Protein backbone atom coordinates (compact mmCIF):
# COMPACT_ATOMS: atom_id res chain seq x y z
CA GLN A 1 19.01 -5.58 -1.76
CA VAL A 2 15.26 -5.17 -1.54
CA GLN A 3 13.89 -2.13 -3.28
CA LEU A 4 10.34 -0.87 -3.46
CA VAL A 5 9.77 2.03 -5.83
CA GLU A 6 6.44 3.82 -5.86
CA SER A 7 4.95 5.92 -8.62
CA GLY A 8 1.60 7.39 -9.55
CA GLY A 9 0.97 9.93 -6.83
CA GLY A 10 -0.25 13.43 -7.59
CA SER A 11 -2.92 16.04 -6.99
CA VAL A 12 -6.59 15.49 -7.78
CA GLN A 13 -9.91 16.99 -6.87
CA ALA A 14 -12.31 15.18 -4.57
CA GLY A 15 -14.08 12.41 -6.41
CA GLY A 16 -11.13 11.81 -8.69
CA SER A 17 -8.96 8.74 -9.12
CA LEU A 18 -5.30 7.82 -8.95
CA ARG A 19 -3.42 4.58 -9.46
CA LEU A 20 -0.29 3.92 -7.47
CA SER A 21 2.32 1.40 -8.56
CA CYS A 22 5.02 -0.32 -6.54
CA ALA A 23 7.83 -2.05 -8.38
CA ALA A 24 9.66 -4.55 -6.22
CA SER A 25 13.15 -5.85 -6.85
CA GLY A 26 16.06 -7.49 -5.10
CA TYR A 27 14.28 -10.47 -3.66
CA THR A 28 12.42 -13.54 -4.73
CA TYR A 29 8.86 -12.42 -5.02
CA THR A 30 7.50 -14.80 -2.42
CA ASP A 31 6.53 -12.13 0.02
CA ILE A 32 4.27 -12.67 2.95
CA CYS A 33 2.41 -9.54 2.07
CA ILE A 34 2.78 -6.39 0.05
CA GLY A 35 0.67 -3.32 0.31
CA TRP A 36 0.23 0.35 1.01
CA PHE A 37 0.46 2.49 4.10
CA ARG A 38 -0.06 6.21 4.40
CA GLN A 39 0.94 8.99 6.73
CA ALA A 40 -0.65 12.41 6.90
CA PRO A 41 1.12 15.32 8.60
CA GLY A 42 0.91 15.01 12.36
CA LYS A 43 -0.60 11.55 12.21
CA GLU A 44 0.72 8.04 12.62
CA ARG A 45 1.40 5.80 9.66
CA GLU A 46 -1.58 3.55 8.97
CA GLY A 47 -2.19 0.50 6.84
CA VAL A 48 -4.41 1.19 3.86
CA ALA A 49 -4.54 -1.98 1.79
CA VAL A 50 -2.52 -5.17 1.81
CA ILE A 51 -2.51 -8.31 -0.28
CA PHE A 52 -1.29 -11.49 1.37
CA SER A 53 0.56 -14.36 -0.28
CA SER A 54 -2.65 -16.39 0.12
CA GLY A 55 -4.39 -13.92 -2.17
CA GLY A 56 -6.46 -12.50 0.64
CA THR A 57 -6.67 -8.78 1.16
CA TYR A 58 -6.97 -6.26 3.95
CA TYR A 59 -8.50 -2.79 3.62
CA ARG A 60 -8.93 -0.23 6.32
CA ASP A 61 -12.58 0.62 6.82
CA SER A 62 -12.35 4.15 5.44
CA VAL A 63 -11.21 2.98 2.00
CA LYS A 64 -13.39 -0.10 1.55
CA GLY A 65 -15.38 0.12 -1.65
CA ARG A 66 -13.14 2.89 -3.01
CA PHE A 67 -9.64 1.41 -3.15
CA THR A 68 -8.54 -1.82 -4.79
CA ILE A 69 -5.18 -3.50 -4.36
CA SER A 70 -3.79 -5.90 -6.93
CA GLN A 71 -0.51 -7.36 -8.02
CA ASP A 72 1.14 -8.60 -11.18
CA ASN A 73 3.54 -11.35 -10.14
CA ALA A 74 5.15 -11.48 -13.58
CA LYS A 75 6.13 -7.83 -13.20
CA ASN A 76 6.81 -7.93 -9.44
CA THR A 77 4.52 -4.95 -9.17
CA ALA A 78 1.67 -4.09 -6.85
CA TYR A 79 -1.01 -1.53 -7.59
CA LEU A 80 -3.46 0.54 -5.62
CA GLN A 81 -6.41 1.87 -7.57
CA MET A 82 -7.94 4.73 -5.64
CA ASN A 83 -11.37 5.97 -6.70
CA SER A 84 -13.77 8.50 -5.19
CA LEU A 85 -10.87 10.18 -3.45
CA LYS A 86 -11.59 12.41 -0.47
CA PRO A 87 -9.56 15.23 1.06
CA GLU A 88 -8.94 12.99 4.08
CA ASP A 89 -7.05 10.60 1.77
CA THR A 90 -4.33 13.22 1.45
CA ALA A 91 -1.07 11.72 2.71
CA MET A 92 2.29 10.31 1.78
CA TYR A 93 1.66 6.80 0.55
CA TYR A 94 4.30 4.14 1.14
CA CYS A 95 4.66 0.78 -0.48
CA ALA A 96 5.60 -1.88 2.04
CA ALA A 97 6.48 -5.55 1.94
CA VAL A 98 7.22 -8.27 4.43
CA THR A 99 9.44 -10.91 2.84
CA ARG A 100 9.83 -14.49 3.90
CA ASP A 101 13.54 -14.14 4.57
CA SER A 102 12.98 -11.35 7.10
CA GLY A 103 11.36 -13.52 9.74
CA GLY A 104 8.58 -10.99 9.96
CA TYR A 105 4.83 -11.38 9.80
CA CYS A 106 1.83 -9.69 8.30
CA ALA A 107 -1.76 -10.61 9.10
CA ASP A 108 -5.30 -9.37 9.51
CA TYR A 109 -5.99 -9.94 13.19
CA ASN A 110 -9.71 -9.47 13.76
CA GLY A 111 -9.82 -6.53 11.37
CA ARG A 112 -6.59 -5.02 12.58
CA LEU A 113 -3.47 -5.18 10.45
CA VAL A 114 -0.46 -6.47 12.38
CA TYR A 115 3.01 -6.64 10.96
CA SER A 116 6.73 -6.65 11.68
CA ARG A 117 10.04 -6.24 9.85
CA VAL A 118 8.49 -4.25 7.07
CA ARG A 119 10.53 -3.01 4.12
CA TRP A 120 9.47 0.44 2.97
CA GLY A 121 9.53 2.38 -0.26
CA GLN A 122 10.41 6.06 -0.37
CA GLY A 123 6.79 7.19 -0.62
CA THR A 124 4.67 9.07 -3.11
CA GLN A 125 2.51 12.07 -2.26
CA VAL A 126 -1.24 12.06 -2.81
CA ALA A 127 -3.10 15.35 -2.41
CA VAL A 128 -6.88 15.58 -2.73
CA SER A 129 -8.49 19.01 -2.81
CA SER A 130 -12.13 19.75 -2.01
């Protein structure tokens, strides 16, 4: 059974930093992609940062230069380093993975993240105050 467990959320002031972690288990770590989505109240869930099995990455425009995604394959863990946080970064952050056995896909299509059959973590809250 695939499990994605997030940690590292919290409350910070604008300009501060947080590091999110996502520990993956229950599948062979040959995912198509793993990354982070977020959902603010009243808004749709949106892709934030994703790392593909090729090693390539996707970042939404609003976090480029501030957020960095990485992974430690030995630990089956993905990380999201978030610097220079802004109040508009406030949201529930979800770890997500598309695994090879799901038949799904995950790709950067002309700057737009497209995906299917995503496995989700339970989420971790990030709150940034001004």
